[in-house]
């Protein structure tokens, strides 16, 4: 339920409609944490490198998988109570396996538990994806937080326990020429960000997993947040929290105007006092409109006090 803005008013309620354009807000969020889980170096961290790896390398024998972790923080740029409408996840590929590459689809899975980004990078320029030995609190193939009791359920993370088995969004990744890659908005991607806006404590980001981990040469190097100007980012559209934008009085009639999105129902509720024992009652349900509009609730002023609120049913 989305509920915002309560006003103390007087009298009963009649309805009128006026139309005008209503636009969603947009924001670009860069990642605030990203790192790699490295199967071939299970005690290493890569949180301070210019790259995040995902996919399987050309190593002749396993283990050789990589999984990328990304987290974004919408809390400071998207008001609590906003409604998320669209989310695109954008990343740049900066490196491919040296012996060639196999195209593969990559999927984003919502992570269910916290993890530590770390600050390590490889000292070997020939093997930048190997990272360096983790210190306390950093994510590795084995640990969510190294040198603690916080391990992944199984090394590399387990579906259902550590990350959602359902893919929130996916795209096929080829070579450098098609970069940057966009994981276009889906209902699940929108739901993930909406959940983080509603409850920031549950924001653990996404795990980027290659869908063909059994195939060599699917590994890709993606630019990390340390790569200024190429960092992973989200393009988000959202509707700010509900509010009554304008209140006017004409000929003892009170008019309350609010912006409404297309195809969205709204409700006006009332109660006679703000006492917790006085429940809200339905006054009017606004049906969904085919286009964005301003809805105006007109209230003839009579004796007595009444409090109203606007909400999404």
C-alpha atoms as a PDB file:
ATOM      1  CA  UNK A   1       0.000   0.000   0.000  1.00  0.00           C
ATOM      2  CA  UNK A   2       1.191   3.494  -0.872  1.00  0.00           C
ATOM      3  CA  UNK A   3      -0.267   6.176   1.397  1.00  0.00           C
ATOM      4  CA  UNK A   4       0.896   9.770   1.564  1.00  0.00           C
ATOM      5  CA  UNK A   5      -0.301  13.210   2.736  1.00  0.00           C
ATOM      6  CA  UNK A   6      -3.184  13.665   5.169  1.00  0.00           C
ATOM      7  CA  UNK A   7      -5.301  16.814   5.289  1.00  0.00           C
ATOM      8  CA  UNK A   8      -7.996  17.927   7.745  1.00  0.00           C
ATOM      9  CA  UNK A   9     -11.021  19.041   5.752  1.00  0.00           C
ATOM     10  CA  UNK A  10     -14.710  19.788   6.264  1.00  0.00           C
ATOM     11  CA  UNK A  11     -17.861  18.261   4.819  1.00  0.00           C
ATOM     12  CA  UNK A  12     -18.828  15.619   2.250  1.00  0.00           C
ATOM     13  CA  UNK A  13     -17.243  14.931  -1.137  1.00  0.00           C
ATOM     14  CA  UNK A  14     -18.168  15.217  -4.818  1.00  0.00           C
ATOM     15  CA  UNK A  15     -15.807  14.528  -7.721  1.00  0.00           C
ATOM     16  CA  UNK A  16     -14.595  16.403 -10.770  1.00  0.00           C
ATOM     17  CA  UNK A  17     -11.881  15.523 -13.335  1.00  0.00           C
ATOM     18  CA  UNK A  18      -9.364  17.679 -15.179  1.00  0.00           C
ATOM     19  CA  UNK A  19      -6.567  16.453 -17.453  1.00  0.00           C
ATOM     20  CA  UNK A  20      -2.984  17.599 -17.802  1.00  0.00           C
ATOM     21  CA  UNK A  21       0.357  15.879 -18.477  1.00  0.00           C
ATOM     22  CA  UNK A  22       2.006  13.972 -15.599  1.00  0.00           C
ATOM     23  CA  UNK A  23       5.582  12.742 -15.926  1.00  0.00           C
ATOM     24  CA  UNK A  24       7.633  10.225 -14.002  1.00  0.00           C
ATOM     25  CA  UNK A  25      10.973  11.311 -12.576  1.00  0.00           C
ATOM     26  CA  UNK A  26      14.214   9.713 -13.775  1.00  0.00           C
ATOM     27  CA  UNK A  27      17.568   9.106 -12.129  1.00  0.00           C
ATOM     28  CA  UNK A  28      20.865   7.371 -12.976  1.00  0.00           C
ATOM     29  CA  UNK A  29      22.455   5.375 -10.157  1.00  0.00           C
ATOM     30  CA  UNK A  30      26.052   4.158 -10.309  1.00  0.00           C
ATOM     31  CA  UNK A  31      27.007   1.052  -8.355  1.00  0.00           C
ATOM     32  CA  UNK A  32      28.155   1.629  -4.791  1.00  0.00           C
ATOM     33  CA  UNK A  33      29.782  -1.814  -4.413  1.00  0.00           C
ATOM     34  CA  UNK A  34      30.921  -4.523  -6.839  1.00  0.00           C
ATOM     35  CA  UNK A  35      33.314  -7.448  -6.776  1.00  0.00           C
ATOM     36  CA  UNK A  36      33.945 -10.931  -8.165  1.00  0.00           C
ATOM     37  CA  UNK A  37      33.655 -14.429  -6.738  1.00  0.00           C
ATOM     38  CA  UNK A  38      36.613 -16.352  -8.218  1.00  0.00           C
ATOM     39  CA  UNK A  39      36.408 -20.139  -8.230  1.00  0.00           C
ATOM     40  CA  UNK A  40      40.005 -20.677  -9.292  1.00  0.00           C
ATOM     41  CA  UNK A  41      41.216 -18.424  -6.427  1.00  0.00           C
ATOM     42  CA  UNK A  42      38.568 -19.130  -3.771  1.00  0.00           C
ATOM     43  CA  UNK A  43      40.304 -17.160  -1.016  1.00  0.00           C
ATOM     44  CA  UNK A  44      40.898 -14.044  -3.114  1.00  0.00           C
ATOM     45  CA  UNK A  45      38.960 -10.811  -3.413  1.00  0.00           C
ATOM     46  CA  UNK A  46      38.651  -8.441  -6.395  1.00  0.00           C
ATOM     47  CA  UNK A  47      36.677  -5.564  -4.866  1.00  0.00           C
ATOM     48  CA  UNK A  48      39.206  -2.827  -5.598  1.00  0.00           C
ATOM     49  CA  UNK A  49      39.902  -3.676  -9.242  1.00  0.00           C
ATOM     50  CA  UNK A  50      38.781  -1.898 -12.401  1.00  0.00           C
ATOM     51  CA  UNK A  51      36.905  -5.033 -13.454  1.00  0.00           C
ATOM     52  CA  UNK A  52      34.181  -7.392 -12.345  1.00  0.00           C
ATOM     53  CA  UNK A  53      34.350 -10.843 -13.922  1.00  0.00           C
ATOM     54  CA  UNK A  54      31.503 -13.197 -14.771  1.00  0.00           C
ATOM     55  CA  UNK A  55      31.486 -16.388 -16.819  1.00  0.00           C
ATOM     56  CA  UNK A  56      33.940 -19.236 -17.339  1.00  0.00           C
ATOM     57  CA  UNK A  57      37.554 -18.768 -18.387  1.00  0.00           C
ATOM     58  CA  UNK A  58      39.654 -20.803 -20.813  1.00  0.00           C
ATOM     59  CA  UNK A  59      41.413 -22.656 -17.990  1.00  0.00           C
ATOM     60  CA  UNK A  60      41.835 -26.259 -19.278  1.00  0.00           C
ATOM     61  CA  UNK A  61      40.381 -27.876 -16.153  1.00  0.00           C
ATOM     62  CA  UNK A  62      37.827 -26.657 -13.615  1.00  0.00           C
ATOM     63  CA  UNK A  63      37.434 -24.844 -11.296  1.00  0.00           C
ATOM     64  CA  UNK A  64      37.188 -21.773 -13.531  1.00  0.00           C
ATOM     65  CA  UNK A  65      33.881 -19.972 -12.941  1.00  0.00           C
ATOM     66  CA  UNK A  66      33.410 -16.325 -11.976  1.00  0.00           C
ATOM     67  CA  UNK A  67      30.337 -14.545 -10.633  1.00  0.00           C
ATOM     68  CA  UNK A  68      29.924 -10.784 -10.343  1.00  0.00           C
ATOM     69  CA  UNK A  69      28.265  -8.954  -7.461  1.00  0.00           C
ATOM     70  CA  UNK A  70      26.734  -5.474  -7.836  1.00  0.00           C
ATOM     71  CA  UNK A  71      24.889  -3.265  -5.380  1.00  0.00           C
ATOM     72  CA  UNK A  72      23.179   0.097  -5.916  1.00  0.00           C
ATOM     73  CA  UNK A  73      21.786   2.477  -3.316  1.00  0.00           C
ATOM     74  CA  UNK A  74      18.506   4.149  -4.342  1.00  0.00           C
ATOM     75  CA  UNK A  75      17.774   5.415  -0.825  1.00  0.00           C
ATOM     76  CA  UNK A  76      19.403   8.866  -1.146  1.00  0.00           C
ATOM     77  CA  UNK A  77      18.085   9.682  -4.629  1.00  0.00           C
ATOM     78  CA  UNK A  78      14.627   8.106  -4.785  1.00  0.00           C
ATOM     79  CA  UNK A  79      12.168   9.267  -2.093  1.00  0.00           C
ATOM     80  CA  UNK A  80      10.775   6.578   0.169  1.00  0.00           C
ATOM     81  CA  UNK A  81       7.256   5.768  -0.954  1.00  0.00           C
ATOM     82  CA  UNK A  82       8.016   6.265  -4.657  1.00  0.00           C
ATOM     83  CA  UNK A  83       6.691   3.824  -7.203  1.00  0.00           C
ATOM     84  CA  UNK A  84       9.325   2.323  -9.526  1.00  0.00           C
ATOM     85  CA  UNK A  85       8.185   2.198 -13.147  1.00  0.00           C
ATOM     86  CA  UNK A  86      11.253   1.139 -15.153  1.00  0.00           C
ATOM     87  CA  UNK A  87      14.790  -0.120 -14.429  1.00  0.00           C
ATOM     88  CA  UNK A  88      17.560  -0.742 -16.983  1.00  0.00           C
ATOM     89  CA  UNK A  89      20.898  -2.210 -15.829  1.00  0.00           C
ATOM     90  CA  UNK A  90      23.837  -1.080 -17.985  1.00  0.00           C
ATOM     91  CA  UNK A  91      27.382  -2.494 -17.977  1.00  0.00           C
ATOM     92  CA  UNK A  92      30.417  -2.202 -20.247  1.00  0.00           C
ATOM     93  CA  UNK A  93      32.548  -5.144 -21.376  1.00  0.00           C
ATOM     94  CA  UNK A  94      36.235  -4.253 -21.190  1.00  0.00           C
ATOM     95  CA  UNK A  95      37.906  -7.633 -21.713  1.00  0.00           C
ATOM     96  CA  UNK A  96      37.487 -11.057 -23.346  1.00  0.00           C
ATOM     97  CA  UNK A  97      39.287 -14.409 -23.058  1.00  0.00           C
ATOM     98  CA  UNK A  98      42.595 -14.118 -24.918  1.00  0.00           C
ATOM     99  CA  UNK A  99      41.993 -17.298 -26.931  1.00  0.00           C
ATOM    100  CA  UNK A 100      38.578 -16.203 -28.202  1.00  0.00           C
ATOM    101  CA  UNK A 101      35.124 -16.090 -26.694  1.00  0.00           C
ATOM    102  CA  UNK A 102      31.836 -17.955 -26.700  1.00  0.00           C
ATOM    103  CA  UNK A 103      28.688 -15.873 -26.634  1.00  0.00           C
ATOM    104  CA  UNK A 104      26.327 -16.564 -23.778  1.00  0.00           C
ATOM    105  CA  UNK A 105      23.350 -15.148 -21.981  1.00  0.00           C
ATOM    106  CA  UNK A 106      24.033 -13.619 -18.559  1.00  0.00           C
ATOM    107  CA  UNK A 107      21.395 -13.262 -15.875  1.00  0.00           C
ATOM    108  CA  UNK A 108      20.934 -11.012 -12.855  1.00  0.00           C
ATOM    109  CA  UNK A 109      19.771 -12.737  -9.669  1.00  0.00           C
ATOM    110  CA  UNK A 110      18.691 -10.793  -6.585  1.00  0.00           C
ATOM    111  CA  UNK A 111      21.079 -11.531  -3.702  1.00  0.00           C
ATOM    112  CA  UNK A 112      19.393 -12.533  -0.452  1.00  0.00           C
ATOM    113  CA  UNK A 113      22.233 -12.011   2.029  1.00  0.00           C
ATOM    114  CA  UNK A 114      24.794  -9.252   2.739  1.00  0.00           C
ATOM    115  CA  UNK A 115      28.382  -9.426   1.479  1.00  0.00           C
ATOM    116  CA  UNK A 116      31.550  -7.350   1.706  1.00  0.00           C
ATOM    117  CA  UNK A 117      32.911  -5.628  -1.395  1.00  0.00           C
ATOM    118  CA  UNK A 118      36.570  -5.559  -0.332  1.00  0.00           C
ATOM    119  CA  UNK A 119      39.374  -3.507  -1.846  1.00  0.00           C
ATOM    120  CA  UNK A 120      41.738  -6.016  -3.448  1.00  0.00           C
ATOM    121  CA  UNK A 121      43.188  -6.050  -6.964  1.00  0.00           C
ATOM    122  CA  UNK A 122      45.664  -8.338  -8.680  1.00  0.00           C
ATOM    123  CA  UNK A 123      49.319  -7.325  -8.652  1.00  0.00           C
ATOM    124  CA  UNK A 124      49.891  -9.449 -11.781  1.00  0.00           C
ATOM    125  CA  UNK A 125      48.986  -7.467 -14.936  1.00  0.00           C
ATOM    126  CA  UNK A 126      48.827 -10.717 -16.927  1.00  0.00           C
ATOM    127  CA  UNK A 127      46.141 -12.140 -14.613  1.00  0.00           C
ATOM    128  CA  UNK A 128      44.036  -9.195 -13.406  1.00  0.00           C
ATOM    129  CA  UNK A 129      41.068 -11.426 -12.674  1.00  0.00           C
ATOM    130  CA  UNK A 130      42.786 -13.417  -9.939  1.00  0.00           C
ATOM    131  CA  UNK A 131      42.564 -10.632  -7.358  1.00  0.00           C
ATOM    132  CA  UNK A 132      44.549 -10.871  -4.133  1.00  0.00           C
ATOM    133  CA  UNK A 133      44.251 -12.680  -0.833  1.00  0.00           C
ATOM    134  CA  UNK A 134      41.199 -11.399   1.018  1.00  0.00           C
ATOM    135  CA  UNK A 135      41.327  -9.779   4.411  1.00  0.00           C
ATOM    136  CA  UNK A 136      38.597  -9.789   7.049  1.00  0.00           C
ATOM    137  CA  UNK A 137      35.114  -8.891   5.865  1.00  0.00           C
ATOM    138  CA  UNK A 138      35.705  -9.252   2.112  1.00  0.00           C
ATOM    139  CA  UNK A 139      33.680 -11.427  -0.274  1.00  0.00           C
ATOM    140  CA  UNK A 140      35.356 -14.479  -1.783  1.00  0.00           C
ATOM    141  CA  UNK A 141      34.177 -17.637  -3.547  1.00  0.00           C
ATOM    142  CA  UNK A 142      33.777 -19.233  -0.107  1.00  0.00           C
ATOM    143  CA  UNK A 143      32.889 -16.338   2.201  1.00  0.00           C
ATOM    144  CA  UNK A 144      30.361 -13.524   2.170  1.00  0.00           C
ATOM    145  CA  UNK A 145      32.656 -11.903   4.742  1.00  0.00           C
ATOM    146  CA  UNK A 146      36.127 -13.455   4.891  1.00  0.00           C
ATOM    147  CA  UNK A 147      37.503 -14.669   8.249  1.00  0.00           C
ATOM    148  CA  UNK A 148      34.036 -14.738   9.825  1.00  0.00           C
ATOM    149  CA  UNK A 149      31.347 -17.397  10.117  1.00  0.00           C
ATOM    150  CA  UNK A 150      29.458 -15.821   7.209  1.00  0.00           C
ATOM    151  CA  UNK A 151      30.033 -18.262   4.369  1.00  0.00           C
ATOM    152  CA  UNK A 152      28.015 -18.776   1.221  1.00  0.00           C
ATOM    153  CA  UNK A 153      25.692 -21.774   1.614  1.00  0.00           C
ATOM    154  CA  UNK A 154      27.856 -23.491  -0.977  1.00  0.00           C
ATOM    155  CA  UNK A 155      31.021 -21.977  -2.505  1.00  0.00           C
ATOM    156  CA  UNK A 156      30.034 -19.416  -5.102  1.00  0.00           C
ATOM    157  CA  UNK A 157      26.544 -19.047  -3.635  1.00  0.00           C
ATOM    158  CA  UNK A 158      23.458 -21.232  -3.711  1.00  0.00           C
ATOM    159  CA  UNK A 159      20.183 -20.517  -5.473  1.00  0.00           C
ATOM    160  CA  UNK A 160      17.272 -20.004  -3.042  1.00  0.00           C
ATOM    161  CA  UNK A 161      19.593 -19.668  -0.035  1.00  0.00           C
ATOM    162  CA  UNK A 162      22.044 -16.990  -1.187  1.00  0.00           C
ATOM    163  CA  UNK A 163      20.395 -15.602  -4.320  1.00  0.00           C
ATOM    164  CA  UNK A 164      16.992 -15.828  -5.952  1.00  0.00           C
ATOM    165  CA  UNK A 165      16.806 -18.669  -8.483  1.00  0.00           C
ATOM    166  CA  UNK A 166      14.607 -16.571 -10.778  1.00  0.00           C
ATOM    167  CA  UNK A 167      16.439 -14.303 -13.214  1.00  0.00           C
ATOM    168  CA  UNK A 168      15.469 -10.665 -12.787  1.00  0.00           C
ATOM    169  CA  UNK A 169      16.804  -9.688 -16.227  1.00  0.00           C
ATOM    170  CA  UNK A 170      19.145 -11.192 -18.808  1.00  0.00           C
ATOM    171  CA  UNK A 171      20.906 -10.397 -22.048  1.00  0.00           C
ATOM    172  CA  UNK A 172      23.283 -12.117 -24.458  1.00  0.00           C
ATOM    173  CA  UNK A 173      26.843 -10.798 -24.218  1.00  0.00           C
ATOM    174  CA  UNK A 174      29.084 -10.920 -27.274  1.00  0.00           C
ATOM    175  CA  UNK A 175      32.314  -8.964 -27.711  1.00  0.00           C
ATOM    176  CA  UNK A 176      33.602  -5.451 -27.148  1.00  0.00           C
ATOM    177  CA  UNK A 177      31.967  -3.988 -30.235  1.00  0.00           C
ATOM    178  CA  UNK A 178      28.444  -4.367 -28.845  1.00  0.00           C
ATOM    179  CA  UNK A 179      29.285  -2.774 -25.501  1.00  0.00           C
ATOM    180  CA  UNK A 180      27.765  -1.282 -23.407  1.00  0.00           C
ATOM    181  CA  UNK A 181      25.141  -3.930 -22.717  1.00  0.00           C
ATOM    182  CA  UNK A 182      21.702  -3.150 -21.334  1.00  0.00           C
ATOM    183  CA  UNK A 183      19.650  -5.549 -19.263  1.00  0.00           C
ATOM    184  CA  UNK A 184      16.300  -4.051 -20.161  1.00  0.00           C
ATOM    185  CA  UNK A 185      13.567  -3.470 -17.624  1.00  0.00           C
ATOM    186  CA  UNK A 186      11.445  -6.419 -16.544  1.00  0.00           C
ATOM    187  CA  UNK A 187       8.757  -6.842 -13.910  1.00  0.00           C
ATOM    188  CA  UNK A 188      11.252  -8.640 -11.641  1.00  0.00           C
ATOM    189  CA  UNK A 189      13.945  -5.984 -12.070  1.00  0.00           C
ATOM    190  CA  UNK A 190      11.388  -3.313 -11.166  1.00  0.00           C
ATOM    191  CA  UNK A 191      10.203  -5.393  -8.191  1.00  0.00           C
ATOM    192  CA  UNK A 192      13.768  -5.757  -6.908  1.00  0.00           C
ATOM    193  CA  UNK A 193      14.405  -2.006  -6.872  1.00  0.00           C
ATOM    194  CA  UNK A 194      10.940  -1.330  -5.479  1.00  0.00           C
ATOM    195  CA  UNK A 195      11.706  -3.691  -2.595  1.00  0.00           C
ATOM    196  CA  UNK A 196      14.963  -1.840  -1.886  1.00  0.00           C
ATOM    197  CA  UNK A 197      13.211   1.543  -1.906  1.00  0.00           C
ATOM    198  CA  UNK A 198      10.539   0.213   0.461  1.00  0.00           C
ATOM    199  CA  UNK A 199      12.999  -1.599   2.754  1.00  0.00           C
ATOM    200  CA  UNK A 200      16.645  -0.510   2.289  1.00  0.00           C
ATOM    201  CA  UNK A 201      17.820  -3.043   4.896  1.00  0.00           C
ATOM    202  CA  UNK A 202      17.057  -5.825   2.398  1.00  0.00           C
ATOM    203  CA  UNK A 203      19.180  -4.343  -0.392  1.00  0.00           C
ATOM    204  CA  UNK A 204      22.007  -6.786  -1.152  1.00  0.00           C
ATOM    205  CA  UNK A 205      22.173  -6.186  -4.895  1.00  0.00           C
ATOM    206  CA  UNK A 206      22.409  -8.680  -7.741  1.00  0.00           C
ATOM    207  CA  UNK A 207      24.653 -11.567  -8.706  1.00  0.00           C
ATOM    208  CA  UNK A 208      25.611 -11.700 -12.385  1.00  0.00           C
ATOM    209  CA  UNK A 209      25.754 -15.340 -13.474  1.00  0.00           C
ATOM    210  CA  UNK A 210      26.588 -16.756 -16.894  1.00  0.00           C
ATOM    211  CA  UNK A 211      23.830 -19.148 -17.995  1.00  0.00           C
ATOM    212  CA  UNK A 212      26.425 -21.362 -19.730  1.00  0.00           C
ATOM    213  CA  UNK A 213      28.922 -21.809 -16.909  1.00  0.00           C
ATOM    214  CA  UNK A 214      29.718 -25.278 -18.244  1.00  0.00           C
ATOM    215  CA  UNK A 215      31.128 -23.692 -21.435  1.00  0.00           C
ATOM    216  CA  UNK A 216      34.686 -22.356 -21.551  1.00  0.00           C
ATOM    217  CA  UNK A 217      35.466 -18.913 -22.997  1.00  0.00           C
ATOM    218  CA  UNK A 218      32.211 -17.347 -21.756  1.00  0.00           C
ATOM    219  CA  UNK A 219      34.095 -15.154 -19.264  1.00  0.00           C
ATOM    220  CA  UNK A 220      33.802 -11.380 -19.633  1.00  0.00           C
ATOM    221  CA  UNK A 221      35.479  -8.503 -17.861  1.00  0.00           C
ATOM    222  CA  UNK A 222      32.964  -5.810 -17.002  1.00  0.00           C
ATOM    223  CA  UNK A 223      33.956  -2.305 -15.915  1.00  0.00           C
ATOM    224  CA  UNK A 224      33.606  -1.850 -12.153  1.00  0.00           C
ATOM    225  CA  UNK A 225      32.689   1.281 -10.235  1.00  0.00           C
ATOM    226  CA  UNK A 226      36.413   2.057  -9.958  1.00  0.00           C
ATOM    227  CA  UNK A 227      36.482   2.618 -13.752  1.00  0.00           C
ATOM    228  CA  UNK A 228      35.346   6.258 -13.750  1.00  0.00           C
ATOM    229  CA  UNK A 229      33.010   7.073 -16.609  1.00  0.00           C
ATOM    230  CA  UNK A 230      32.352   3.411 -17.377  1.00  0.00           C
ATOM    231  CA  UNK A 231      30.914   2.240 -14.066  1.00  0.00           C
ATOM    232  CA  UNK A 232      27.828  -0.010 -13.993  1.00  0.00           C
ATOM    233  CA  UNK A 233      24.664   2.012 -13.635  1.00  0.00           C
ATOM    234  CA  UNK A 234      20.886   1.859 -13.450  1.00  0.00           C
ATOM    235  CA  UNK A 235      18.559   4.031 -15.495  1.00  0.00           C
ATOM    236  CA  UNK A 236      15.422   4.337 -13.356  1.00  0.00           C
ATOM    237  CA  UNK A 237      12.032   5.954 -13.871  1.00  0.00           C
ATOM    238  CA  UNK A 238       9.814   6.386 -10.836  1.00  0.00           C
ATOM    239  CA  UNK A 239       6.705   8.175  -9.640  1.00  0.00           C
ATOM    240  CA  UNK A 240       7.327  10.245  -6.498  1.00  0.00           C
ATOM    241  CA  UNK A 241       5.222   9.614  -3.381  1.00  0.00           C
ATOM    242  CA  UNK A 242       1.555  10.469  -3.544  1.00  0.00           C
ATOM    243  CA  UNK A 243       0.693  13.984  -2.565  1.00  0.00           C
ATOM    244  CA  UNK A 244      -2.097  16.492  -2.928  1.00  0.00           C
ATOM    245  CA  UNK A 245      -0.564  19.208  -5.082  1.00  0.00           C
ATOM    246  CA  UNK A 246      -3.115  22.006  -4.774  1.00  0.00           C
ATOM    247  CA  UNK A 247      -5.941  22.978  -2.410  1.00  0.00           C
ATOM    248  CA  UNK A 248      -8.368  25.773  -3.314  1.00  0.00           C
ATOM    249  CA  UNK A 249     -11.710  27.047  -2.003  1.00  0.00           C
ATOM    250  CA  UNK A 250     -14.355  28.419  -4.392  1.00  0.00           C
ATOM    251  CA  UNK A 251     -17.911  29.304  -3.309  1.00  0.00           C
ATOM    252  CA  UNK A 252     -17.598  27.237  -0.142  1.00  0.00           C
ATOM    253  CA  UNK A 253     -16.313  24.274  -2.102  1.00  0.00           C
ATOM    254  CA  UNK A 254     -12.935  22.782  -1.280  1.00  0.00           C
ATOM    255  CA  UNK A 255     -10.987  21.369  -4.271  1.00  0.00           C
ATOM    256  CA  UNK A 256      -8.099  18.935  -3.840  1.00  0.00           C
ATOM    257  CA  UNK A 257      -5.959  18.267  -6.909  1.00  0.00           C
ATOM    258  CA  UNK A 258      -3.397  15.499  -7.329  1.00  0.00           C
ATOM    259  CA  UNK A 259      -1.365  14.077 -10.201  1.00  0.00           C
ATOM    260  CA  UNK A 260      -2.449  10.617 -11.344  1.00  0.00           C
ATOM    261  CA  UNK A 261      -0.599   8.203 -13.580  1.00  0.00           C
ATOM    262  CA  UNK A 262      -2.250   6.382 -16.464  1.00  0.00           C
ATOM    263  CA  UNK A 263      -3.828   2.993 -15.721  1.00  0.00           C
ATOM    264  CA  UNK A 264      -3.591   3.456 -11.954  1.00  0.00           C
ATOM    265  CA  UNK A 265      -6.519   3.460  -9.525  1.00  0.00           C
ATOM    266  CA  UNK A 266      -6.590   5.774  -6.507  1.00  0.00           C
ATOM    267  CA  UNK A 267      -8.675   6.034  -3.378  1.00  0.00           C
ATOM    268  CA  UNK A 268      -9.686   8.892  -1.101  1.00  0.00           C
ATOM    269  CA  UNK A 269     -10.439   7.840   2.461  1.00  0.00           C
ATOM    270  CA  UNK A 270     -11.700   9.764   5.453  1.00  0.00           C
ATOM    271  CA  UNK A 271     -12.160   9.676   9.187  1.00  0.00           C
ATOM    272  CA  UNK A 272     -13.620  12.082  11.699  1.00  0.00           C
ATOM    273  CA  UNK A 273     -10.544  12.374  13.922  1.00  0.00           C
ATOM    274  CA  UNK A 274      -6.890  11.348  14.006  1.00  0.00           C
ATOM    275  CA  UNK A 275      -7.438   9.180  17.062  1.00  0.00           C
ATOM    276  CA  UNK A 276      -5.985   5.675  16.540  1.00  0.00           C
ATOM    277  CA  UNK A 277      -9.373   4.236  17.464  1.00  0.00           C
ATOM    278  CA  UNK A 278     -11.030   6.052  14.551  1.00  0.00           C
ATOM    279  CA  UNK A 279     -10.586   3.929  11.431  1.00  0.00           C
ATOM    280  CA  UNK A 280     -10.271   5.146   7.857  1.00  0.00           C
ATOM    281  CA  UNK A 281     -13.309   4.604   5.654  1.00  0.00           C
ATOM    282  CA  UNK A 282     -13.553   4.542   1.869  1.00  0.00           C
ATOM    283  CA  UNK A 283     -14.970   7.781   0.523  1.00  0.00           C
ATOM    284  CA  UNK A 284     -14.237   7.512  -3.193  1.00  0.00           C
ATOM    285  CA  UNK A 285     -12.418   5.165  -5.499  1.00  0.00           C
ATOM    286  CA  UNK A 286     -10.989   6.828  -8.610  1.00  0.00           C
ATOM    287  CA  UNK A 287     -11.017   4.454 -11.586  1.00  0.00           C
ATOM    288  CA  UNK A 288      -7.901   4.097 -13.711  1.00  0.00           C
ATOM    289  CA  UNK A 289      -7.599   6.700 -16.459  1.00  0.00           C
ATOM    290  CA  UNK A 290      -6.264   5.882 -19.949  1.00  0.00           C
ATOM    291  CA  UNK A 291      -3.804   8.804 -19.838  1.00  0.00           C
ATOM    292  CA  UNK A 292      -1.962  10.704 -17.129  1.00  0.00           C
ATOM    293  CA  UNK A 293      -4.265  13.258 -15.521  1.00  0.00           C
ATOM    294  CA  UNK A 294      -4.866  15.568 -12.628  1.00  0.00           C
ATOM    295  CA  UNK A 295      -7.773  14.364 -10.519  1.00  0.00           C
ATOM    296  CA  UNK A 296      -9.727  16.889  -8.469  1.00  0.00           C
ATOM    297  CA  UNK A 297     -11.891  15.974  -5.494  1.00  0.00           C
ATOM    298  CA  UNK A 298     -14.435  18.722  -4.744  1.00  0.00           C
ATOM    299  CA  UNK A 299     -15.838  18.913  -1.223  1.00  0.00           C
ATOM    300  CA  UNK A 300     -18.821  21.162  -0.360  1.00  0.00           C
ATOM    301  CA  UNK A 301     -17.969  22.762   2.969  1.00  0.00           C
ATOM    302  CA  UNK A 302     -20.539  21.960   5.683  1.00  0.00           C
ATOM    303  CA  UNK A 303     -20.487  21.814   9.441  1.00  0.00           C
ATOM    304  CA  UNK A 304     -18.229  19.280  11.096  1.00  0.00           C
ATOM    305  CA  UNK A 305     -14.646  18.074  10.698  1.00  0.00           C
ATOM    306  CA  UNK A 306     -13.319  15.335   8.496  1.00  0.00           C
ATOM    307  CA  UNK A 307      -9.767  14.145   7.662  1.00  0.00           C
ATOM    308  CA  UNK A 308      -8.893  12.783   4.211  1.00  0.00           C
ATOM    309  CA  UNK A 309      -6.020  10.825   2.775  1.00  0.00           C
ATOM    310  CA  UNK A 310      -4.986   9.763  -0.722  1.00  0.00           C
ATOM    311  CA  UNK A 311      -3.634   6.290  -1.375  1.00  0.00           C
ATOM    312  CA  UNK A 312      -3.098   3.552  -3.958  1.00  0.00           C
ATOM    313  CA  UNK A 313      -5.468   0.640  -3.243  1.00  0.00           C
END
